[in-house]
Amino acid sequence: MAFSSDIKGYGKSGDKTAMWGTFTNGGSDTGGDIDTGLVICESISIEFTGSAAVADAAAINESFPCSGRAVTIVTTADADGIWRAIGY
């Protein structure tokens, strides 16, 4: 199974939009691109989920602001989680 991400919801406040969703890694995958649904992503936060502790923190491999269509993250292999992005 390859890295994948899904948008689960969104909200607006003034001229900013917040999008959130999930990401899933395959057994040997260590991250990939999150399509936030935003044109421009000004910030993103990611957090691991699941029943086991993850030893390493995830990294966001971008300079902000960036294209919201492909925000690259680097994670521990086989770690899944949630994300929240803000932009427009």
PDB file of N, CA and C in Angstrom:
ATOM      1  N   MET A   1       0.846  -1.176   0.000  1.00  0.00           N
ATOM      2  CA  MET A   1       0.000   0.000   0.000  1.00  0.00           C
ATOM      3  C   MET A   1       0.891   1.238   0.000  1.00  0.00           C
ATOM      4  N   ALA A   2       0.570   2.228  -0.768  1.00  0.00           N
ATOM      5  CA  ALA A   2       1.345   3.454  -0.885  1.00  0.00           C
ATOM      6  C   ALA A   2       0.807   4.531   0.058  1.00  0.00           C
ATOM      7  N   PHE A   3       1.582   5.596   0.241  1.00  0.00           N
ATOM      8  CA  PHE A   3       1.151   6.731   1.046  1.00  0.00           C
ATOM      9  C   PHE A   3      -0.112   7.322   0.441  1.00  0.00           C
ATOM     10  N   SER A   4      -1.061   7.698   1.305  1.00  0.00           N
ATOM     11  CA  SER A   4      -2.274   8.368   0.833  1.00  0.00           C
ATOM     12  C   SER A   4      -2.742   9.357   1.887  1.00  0.00           C
ATOM     13  N   SER A   5      -3.480  10.352   1.433  1.00  0.00           N
ATOM     14  CA  SER A   5      -4.078  11.314   2.363  1.00  0.00           C
ATOM     15  C   SER A   5      -5.485  11.640   1.891  1.00  0.00           C
ATOM     16  N   ASP A   6      -6.325  11.982   2.851  1.00  0.00           N
ATOM     17  CA  ASP A   6      -7.718  12.326   2.566  1.00  0.00           C
ATOM     18  C   ASP A   6      -8.092  13.598   3.296  1.00  0.00           C
ATOM     19  N   ILE A   7      -8.930  14.411   2.676  1.00  0.00           N
ATOM     20  CA  ILE A   7      -9.503  15.588   3.319  1.00  0.00           C
ATOM     21  C   ILE A   7     -10.772  15.148   4.031  1.00  0.00           C
ATOM     22  N   LYS A   8     -10.894  15.494   5.315  1.00  0.00           N
ATOM     23  CA  LYS A   8     -12.066  15.106   6.099  1.00  0.00           C
ATOM     24  C   LYS A   8     -12.994  16.283   6.395  1.00  0.00           C
ATOM     25  N   GLY A   9     -12.481  17.526   6.336  1.00  0.00           N
ATOM     26  CA  GLY A   9     -13.334  18.665   6.625  1.00  0.00           C
ATOM     27  C   GLY A   9     -12.624  19.976   6.393  1.00  0.00           C
ATOM     28  N   TYR A  10     -13.392  21.081   6.549  1.00  0.00           N
ATOM     29  CA  TYR A  10     -12.824  22.404   6.373  1.00  0.00           C
ATOM     30  C   TYR A  10     -13.661  23.425   7.137  1.00  0.00           C
ATOM     31  N   GLY A  11     -13.074  24.577   7.364  1.00  0.00           N
ATOM     32  CA  GLY A  11     -13.769  25.684   8.008  1.00  0.00           C
ATOM     33  C   GLY A  11     -13.157  26.987   7.541  1.00  0.00           C
ATOM     34  N   LYS A  12     -13.907  28.078   7.650  1.00  0.00           N
ATOM     35  CA  LYS A  12     -13.420  29.383   7.222  1.00  0.00           C
ATOM     36  C   LYS A  12     -13.488  30.362   8.388  1.00  0.00           C
ATOM     37  N   SER A  13     -12.494  31.257   8.424  1.00  0.00           N
ATOM     38  CA  SER A  13     -12.468  32.342   9.386  1.00  0.00           C
ATOM     39  C   SER A  13     -11.872  33.545   8.675  1.00  0.00           C
ATOM     40  N   GLY A  14     -12.698  34.532   8.379  1.00  0.00           N
ATOM     41  CA  GLY A  14     -12.233  35.675   7.603  1.00  0.00           C
ATOM     42  C   GLY A  14     -11.807  35.230   6.222  1.00  0.00           C
ATOM     43  N   ASP A  15     -10.590  35.607   5.829  1.00  0.00           N
ATOM     44  CA  ASP A  15     -10.096  35.231   4.503  1.00  0.00           C
ATOM     45  C   ASP A  15      -9.245  33.960   4.528  1.00  0.00           C
ATOM     46  N   LYS A  16      -9.183  33.279   5.660  1.00  0.00           N
ATOM     47  CA  LYS A  16      -8.397  32.047   5.789  1.00  0.00           C
ATOM     48  C   LYS A  16      -9.306  30.815   5.778  1.00  0.00           C
ATOM     49  N   THR A  17      -8.757  29.736   5.285  1.00  0.00           N
ATOM     50  CA  THR A  17      -9.449  28.454   5.281  1.00  0.00           C
ATOM     51  C   THR A  17      -8.603  27.440   6.021  1.00  0.00           C
ATOM     52  N   ALA A  18      -9.226  26.652   6.864  1.00  0.00           N
ATOM     53  CA  ALA A  18      -8.559  25.536   7.539  1.00  0.00           C
ATOM     54  C   ALA A  18      -9.104  24.246   6.944  1.00  0.00           C
ATOM     55  N   MET A  19      -8.203  23.363   6.562  1.00  0.00           N
ATOM     56  CA  MET A  19      -8.569  22.049   6.041  1.00  0.00           C
ATOM     57  C   MET A  19      -7.950  21.010   6.957  1.00  0.00           C
ATOM     58  N   TRP A  20      -8.604  19.866   7.123  1.00  0.00           N
ATOM     59  CA  TRP A  20      -8.021  18.801   7.931  1.00  0.00           C
ATOM     60  C   TRP A  20      -8.349  17.453   7.342  1.00  0.00           C
ATOM     61  N   GLY A  21      -7.514  16.480   7.725  1.00  0.00           N
ATOM     62  CA  GLY A  21      -7.711  15.147   7.190  1.00  0.00           C
ATOM     63  C   GLY A  21      -6.777  14.136   7.816  1.00  0.00           C
ATOM     64  N   THR A  22      -6.610  13.026   7.124  1.00  0.00           N
ATOM     65  CA  THR A  22      -5.790  11.915   7.614  1.00  0.00           C
ATOM     66  C   THR A  22      -4.728  11.567   6.583  1.00  0.00           C
ATOM     67  N   PHE A  23      -3.674  10.893   7.043  1.00  0.00           N
ATOM     68  CA  PHE A  23      -2.701  10.317   6.125  1.00  0.00           C
ATOM     69  C   PHE A  23      -2.401   8.894   6.572  1.00  0.00           C
ATOM     70  N   THR A  24      -2.072   8.043   5.604  1.00  0.00           N
ATOM     71  CA  THR A  24      -1.789   6.637   5.855  1.00  0.00           C
ATOM     72  C   THR A  24      -0.537   6.242   5.093  1.00  0.00           C
ATOM     73  N   ASN A  25       0.380   5.599   5.794  1.00  0.00           N
ATOM     74  CA  ASN A  25       1.599   5.074   5.177  1.00  0.00           C
ATOM     75  C   ASN A  25       1.465   3.572   5.005  1.00  0.00           C
ATOM     76  N   GLY A  26       2.054   3.044   3.939  1.00  0.00           N
ATOM     77  CA  GLY A  26       2.173   1.607   3.789  1.00  0.00           C
ATOM     78  C   GLY A  26       3.268   1.091   4.717  1.00  0.00           C
ATOM     79  N   GLY A  27       3.472  -0.191   4.766  1.00  0.00           N
ATOM     80  CA  GLY A  27       4.425  -0.815   5.674  1.00  0.00           C
ATOM     81  C   GLY A  27       5.831  -0.267   5.605  1.00  0.00           C
ATOM     82  N   SER A  28       6.308   0.104   4.427  1.00  0.00           N
ATOM     83  CA  SER A  28       7.666   0.625   4.306  1.00  0.00           C
ATOM     84  C   SER A  28       7.693   2.084   3.870  1.00  0.00           C
ATOM     85  N   ASP A  29       6.532   2.718   3.741  1.00  0.00           N
ATOM     86  CA  ASP A  29       6.477   4.122   3.324  1.00  0.00           C
ATOM     87  C   ASP A  29       6.886   5.043   4.458  1.00  0.00           C
ATOM     88  N   THR A  30       7.598   6.107   4.106  1.00  0.00           N
ATOM     89  CA  THR A  30       8.064   7.082   5.095  1.00  0.00           C
ATOM     90  C   THR A  30       7.621   8.491   4.724  1.00  0.00           C
ATOM     91  N   GLY A  31       6.352   8.633   4.373  1.00  0.00           N
ATOM     92  CA  GLY A  31       5.798   9.936   4.048  1.00  0.00           C
ATOM     93  C   GLY A  31       5.412  10.059   2.599  1.00  0.00           C
ATOM     94  N   GLY A  32       5.031  11.282   2.232  1.00  0.00           N
ATOM     95  CA  GLY A  32       4.589  11.556   0.874  1.00  0.00           C
ATOM     96  C   GLY A  32       3.996  12.940   0.805  1.00  0.00           C
ATOM     97  N   ASP A  33       3.201  13.206  -0.225  1.00  0.00           N
ATOM     98  CA  ASP A  33       2.594  14.513  -0.436  1.00  0.00           C
ATOM     99  C   ASP A  33       1.144  14.523   0.034  1.00  0.00           C
ATOM    100  N   ILE A  34       0.810  15.529   0.841  1.00  0.00           N
ATOM    101  CA  ILE A  34      -0.573  15.750   1.256  1.00  0.00           C
ATOM    102  C   ILE A  34      -1.168  16.818   0.362  1.00  0.00           C
ATOM    103  N   ASP A  35      -2.278  16.508  -0.306  1.00  0.00           N
ATOM    104  CA  ASP A  35      -3.035  17.494  -1.069  1.00  0.00           C
ATOM    105  C   ASP A  35      -4.039  18.097  -0.101  1.00  0.00           C
ATOM    106  N   THR A  36      -3.768  19.325   0.350  1.00  0.00           N
ATOM    107  CA  THR A  36      -4.604  19.960   1.375  1.00  0.00           C
ATOM    108  C   THR A  36      -5.907  20.520   0.820  1.00  0.00           C
ATOM    109  N   GLY A  37      -6.007  20.646  -0.490  1.00  0.00           N
ATOM    110  CA  GLY A  37      -7.173  21.271  -1.083  1.00  0.00           C
ATOM    111  C   GLY A  37      -7.070  22.784  -1.110  1.00  0.00           C
ATOM    112  N   LEU A  38      -5.988  23.330  -0.565  1.00  0.00           N
ATOM    113  CA  LEU A  38      -5.750  24.773  -0.572  1.00  0.00           C
ATOM    114  C   LEU A  38      -4.931  25.150  -1.800  1.00  0.00           C
ATOM    115  N   VAL A  39      -5.086  26.375  -2.279  1.00  0.00           N
ATOM    116  CA  VAL A  39      -4.230  26.873  -3.352  1.00  0.00           C
ATOM    117  C   VAL A  39      -2.857  27.201  -2.773  1.00  0.00           C
ATOM    118  N   ILE A  40      -2.834  27.938  -1.672  1.00  0.00           N
ATOM    119  CA  ILE A  40      -1.616  28.284  -0.958  1.00  0.00           C
ATOM    120  C   ILE A  40      -1.745  27.805   0.482  1.00  0.00           C
ATOM    121  N   CYS A  41      -0.774  27.037   0.943  1.00  0.00           N
ATOM    122  CA  CYS A  41      -0.738  26.552   2.326  1.00  0.00           C
ATOM    123  C   CYS A  41       0.246  27.435   3.095  1.00  0.00           C
ATOM    124  N   GLU A  42      -0.231  28.067   4.163  1.00  0.00           N
ATOM    125  CA  GLU A  42       0.621  28.934   4.980  1.00  0.00           C
ATOM    126  C   GLU A  42       1.195  28.209   6.186  1.00  0.00           C
ATOM    127  N   SER A  43       0.522  27.167   6.650  1.00  0.00           N
ATOM    128  CA  SER A  43       1.045  26.344   7.745  1.00  0.00           C
ATOM    129  C   SER A  43       0.314  25.011   7.759  1.00  0.00           C
ATOM    130  N   ILE A  44       0.981  24.014   8.311  1.00  0.00           N
ATOM    131  CA  ILE A  44       0.368  22.695   8.455  1.00  0.00           C
ATOM    132  C   ILE A  44       0.921  22.057   9.722  1.00  0.00           C
ATOM    133  N   SER A  45       0.065  21.333  10.420  1.00  0.00           N
ATOM    134  CA  SER A  45       0.524  20.555  11.578  1.00  0.00           C
ATOM    135  C   SER A  45       0.115  19.107  11.347  1.00  0.00           C
ATOM    136  N   ILE A  46       0.966  18.203  11.812  1.00  0.00           N
ATOM    137  CA  ILE A  46       0.694  16.778  11.662  1.00  0.00           C
ATOM    138  C   ILE A  46       0.908  16.086  12.992  1.00  0.00           C
ATOM    139  N   GLU A  47       0.130  15.046  13.216  1.00  0.00           N
ATOM    140  CA  GLU A  47       0.209  14.290  14.463  1.00  0.00           C
ATOM    141  C   GLU A  47      -0.048  12.828  14.151  1.00  0.00           C
ATOM    142  N   PHE A  48       0.729  11.957  14.778  1.00  0.00           N
ATOM    143  CA  PHE A  48       0.524  10.526  14.592  1.00  0.00           C
ATOM    144  C   PHE A  48      -0.676  10.049  15.401  1.00  0.00           C
ATOM    145  N   THR A  49      -1.343   9.003  14.895  1.00  0.00           N
ATOM    146  CA  THR A  49      -2.448   8.367  15.600  1.00  0.00           C
ATOM    147  C   THR A  49      -2.170   6.871  15.655  1.00  0.00           C
ATOM    148  N   GLY A  50      -2.925   6.158  16.440  1.00  0.00           N
ATOM    149  CA  GLY A  50      -2.778   4.717  16.517  1.00  0.00           C
ATOM    150  C   GLY A  50      -2.571   4.252  17.941  1.00  0.00           C
ATOM    151  N   SER A  51      -2.472   2.950  18.107  1.00  0.00           N
ATOM    152  CA  SER A  51      -2.393   2.369  19.444  1.00  0.00           C
ATOM    153  C   SER A  51      -0.962   2.231  19.953  1.00  0.00           C
ATOM    154  N   ALA A  52       0.035   2.388  19.077  1.00  0.00           N
ATOM    155  CA  ALA A  52       1.435   2.251  19.507  1.00  0.00           C
ATOM    156  C   ALA A  52       2.132   3.607  19.447  1.00  0.00           C
ATOM    157  N   ALA A  53       3.094   3.824  20.326  1.00  0.00           N
ATOM    158  CA  ALA A  53       3.867   5.058  20.322  1.00  0.00           C
ATOM    159  C   ALA A  53       4.800   5.083  19.110  1.00  0.00           C
ATOM    160  N   VAL A  54       4.990   6.263  18.559  1.00  0.00           N
ATOM    161  CA  VAL A  54       5.916   6.450  17.448  1.00  0.00           C
ATOM    162  C   VAL A  54       7.148   7.151  18.001  1.00  0.00           C
ATOM    163  N   ALA A  55       8.330   6.598  17.748  1.00  0.00           N
ATOM    164  CA  ALA A  55       9.568   7.090  18.357  1.00  0.00           C
ATOM    165  C   ALA A  55      10.042   8.418  17.779  1.00  0.00           C
ATOM    166  N   ASP A  56       9.749   8.708  16.526  1.00  0.00           N
ATOM    167  CA  ASP A  56      10.266   9.905  15.874  1.00  0.00           C
ATOM    168  C   ASP A  56       9.148  10.893  15.573  1.00  0.00           C
ATOM    169  N   ALA A  57       9.504  12.166  15.548  1.00  0.00           N
ATOM    170  CA  ALA A  57       8.560  13.205  15.145  1.00  0.00           C
ATOM    171  C   ALA A  57       8.513  13.266  13.624  1.00  0.00           C
ATOM    172  N   ALA A  58       7.382  13.633  13.087  1.00  0.00           N
ATOM    173  CA  ALA A  58       7.248  13.812  11.645  1.00  0.00           C
ATOM    174  C   ALA A  58       7.855  15.158  11.251  1.00  0.00           C
ATOM    175  N   ALA A  59       8.313  15.261  10.024  1.00  0.00           N
ATOM    176  CA  ALA A  59       8.889  16.503   9.514  1.00  0.00           C
ATOM    177  C   ALA A  59       8.089  16.979   8.314  1.00  0.00           C
ATOM    178  N   ILE A  60       7.996  18.285   8.176  1.00  0.00           N
ATOM    179  CA  ILE A  60       7.345  18.899   7.022  1.00  0.00           C
ATOM    180  C   ILE A  60       8.459  19.424   6.136  1.00  0.00           C
ATOM    181  N   ASN A  61       8.568  18.885   4.942  1.00  0.00           N
ATOM    182  CA  ASN A  61       9.681  19.183   4.046  1.00  0.00           C
ATOM    183  C   ASN A  61       9.285  20.275   3.063  1.00  0.00           C
ATOM    184  N   GLU A  62       8.937  21.467   3.582  1.00  0.00           N
ATOM    185  CA  GLU A  62       8.495  22.587   2.753  1.00  0.00           C
ATOM    186  C   GLU A  62       8.963  23.902   3.359  1.00  0.00           C
ATOM    187  N   SER A  63       9.008  24.945   2.534  1.00  0.00           N
ATOM    188  CA  SER A  63       9.152  26.327   2.984  1.00  0.00           C
ATOM    189  C   SER A  63       7.794  26.983   2.773  1.00  0.00           C
ATOM    190  N   PHE A  64       7.340  27.736   3.754  1.00  0.00           N
ATOM    191  CA  PHE A  64       5.993  28.317   3.681  1.00  0.00           C
ATOM    192  C   PHE A  64       6.056  29.796   3.359  1.00  0.00           C
ATOM    193  N   PRO A  65       5.059  30.298   2.619  1.00  0.00           N
ATOM    194  CA  PRO A  65       3.908  29.600   2.047  1.00  0.00           C
ATOM    195  C   PRO A  65       4.335  28.726   0.868  1.00  0.00           C
ATOM    196  N   CYS A  66       3.516  27.704   0.592  1.00  0.00           N
ATOM    197  CA  CYS A  66       3.808  26.786  -0.513  1.00  0.00           C
ATOM    198  C   CYS A  66       2.503  26.374  -1.183  1.00  0.00           C
ATOM    199  N   SER A  67       2.618  25.664  -2.282  1.00  0.00           N
ATOM    200  CA  SER A  67       1.434  25.138  -2.963  1.00  0.00           C
ATOM    201  C   SER A  67       0.713  24.166  -2.040  1.00  0.00           C
ATOM    202  N   GLY A  68      -0.575  24.332  -1.877  1.00  0.00           N
ATOM    203  CA  GLY A  68      -1.355  23.438  -1.033  1.00  0.00           C
ATOM    204  C   GLY A  68      -1.656  22.107  -1.678  1.00  0.00           C
ATOM    205  N   ARG A  69      -1.315  21.947  -2.934  1.00  0.00           N
ATOM    206  CA  ARG A  69      -1.607  20.704  -3.657  1.00  0.00           C
ATOM    207  C   ARG A  69      -0.636  19.582  -3.322  1.00  0.00           C
ATOM    208  N   ALA A  70       0.563  19.925  -2.823  1.00  0.00           N
ATOM    209  CA  ALA A  70       1.556  18.883  -2.551  1.00  0.00           C
ATOM    210  C   ALA A  70       2.468  19.322  -1.411  1.00  0.00           C
ATOM    211  N   VAL A  71       1.999  19.169  -0.182  1.00  0.00           N
ATOM    212  CA  VAL A  71       2.811  19.475   0.995  1.00  0.00           C
ATOM    213  C   VAL A  71       3.497  18.179   1.408  1.00  0.00           C
ATOM    214  N   THR A  72       4.822  18.139   1.284  1.00  0.00           N
ATOM    215  CA  THR A  72       5.579  16.916   1.525  1.00  0.00           C
ATOM    216  C   THR A  72       5.881  16.737   3.001  1.00  0.00           C
ATOM    217  N   ILE A  73       5.567  15.542   3.530  1.00  0.00           N
ATOM    218  CA  ILE A  73       5.906  15.201   4.909  1.00  0.00           C
ATOM    219  C   ILE A  73       6.804  13.969   4.909  1.00  0.00           C
ATOM    220  N   VAL A  74       7.636  13.879   5.944  1.00  0.00           N
ATOM    221  CA  VAL A  74       8.521  12.729   6.135  1.00  0.00           C
ATOM    222  C   VAL A  74       8.186  12.142   7.499  1.00  0.00           C
ATOM    223  N   THR A  75       7.930  10.835   7.539  1.00  0.00           N
ATOM    224  CA  THR A  75       7.473  10.183   8.761  1.00  0.00           C
ATOM    225  C   THR A  75       8.237   8.894   9.023  1.00  0.00           C
ATOM    226  N   THR A  76       7.997   8.331  10.179  1.00  0.00           N
ATOM    227  CA  THR A  76       8.453   6.982  10.484  1.00  0.00           C
ATOM    228  C   THR A  76       7.694   6.007   9.583  1.00  0.00           C
ATOM    229  N   ALA A  77       8.340   4.944   9.163  1.00  0.00           N
ATOM    230  CA  ALA A  77       7.692   3.942   8.305  1.00  0.00           C
ATOM    231  C   ALA A  77       6.438   3.392   8.971  1.00  0.00           C
ATOM    232  N   ASP A  78       5.389   3.239   8.170  1.00  0.00           N
ATOM    233  CA  ASP A  78       4.133   2.616   8.591  1.00  0.00           C
ATOM    234  C   ASP A  78       3.376   3.413   9.659  1.00  0.00           C
ATOM    235  N   ALA A  79       3.652   4.717   9.794  1.00  0.00           N
ATOM    236  CA  ALA A  79       2.956   5.547  10.784  1.00  0.00           C
ATOM    237  C   ALA A  79       1.826   6.314  10.106  1.00  0.00           C
ATOM    238  N   ASP A  80       0.662   6.318  10.715  1.00  0.00           N
ATOM    239  CA  ASP A  80      -0.506   7.015  10.198  1.00  0.00           C
ATOM    240  C   ASP A  80      -0.835   8.190  11.109  1.00  0.00           C
ATOM    241  N   GLY A  81      -1.612   9.135  10.588  1.00  0.00           N
ATOM    242  CA  GLY A  81      -1.926  10.267  11.443  1.00  0.00           C
ATOM    243  C   GLY A  81      -2.957  11.207  10.861  1.00  0.00           C
ATOM    244  N   ILE A  82      -3.008  12.389  11.459  1.00  0.00           N
ATOM    245  CA  ILE A  82      -3.939  13.445  11.067  1.00  0.00           C
ATOM    246  C   ILE A  82      -3.144  14.705  10.744  1.00  0.00           C
ATOM    247  N   TRP A  83      -3.749  15.590   9.964  1.00  0.00           N
ATOM    248  CA  TRP A  83      -3.121  16.852   9.612  1.00  0.00           C
ATOM    249  C   TRP A  83      -4.156  17.970   9.624  1.00  0.00           C
ATOM    250  N   ARG A  84      -3.657  19.209   9.782  1.00  0.00           N
ATOM    251  CA  ARG A  84      -4.507  20.399   9.739  1.00  0.00           C
ATOM    252  C   ARG A  84      -3.700  21.490   9.059  1.00  0.00           C
ATOM    253  N   ALA A  85      -4.229  22.062   7.990  1.00  0.00           N
ATOM    254  CA  ALA A  85      -3.537  23.077   7.209  1.00  0.00           C
ATOM    255  C   ALA A  85      -4.350  24.368   7.170  1.00  0.00           C
ATOM    256  N   ILE A  86      -3.654  25.498   7.125  1.00  0.00           N
ATOM    257  CA  ILE A  86      -4.295  26.798   7.053  1.00  0.00           C
ATOM    258  C   ILE A  86      -3.726  27.557   5.867  1.00  0.00           C
ATOM    259  N   GLY A  87      -4.593  28.216   5.135  1.00  0.00           N
ATOM    260  CA  GLY A  87      -4.173  28.994   3.978  1.00  0.00           C
ATOM    261  C   GLY A  87      -5.374  29.567   3.259  1.00  0.00           C
ATOM    262  N   TYR A  88      -5.278  29.603   1.946  1.00  0.00           N
ATOM    263  CA  TYR A  88      -6.389  30.096   1.127  1.00  0.00           C
ATOM    264  C   TYR A  88      -6.361  29.464  -0.241  1.00  0.00           C
TER     265      TYR A  88
END
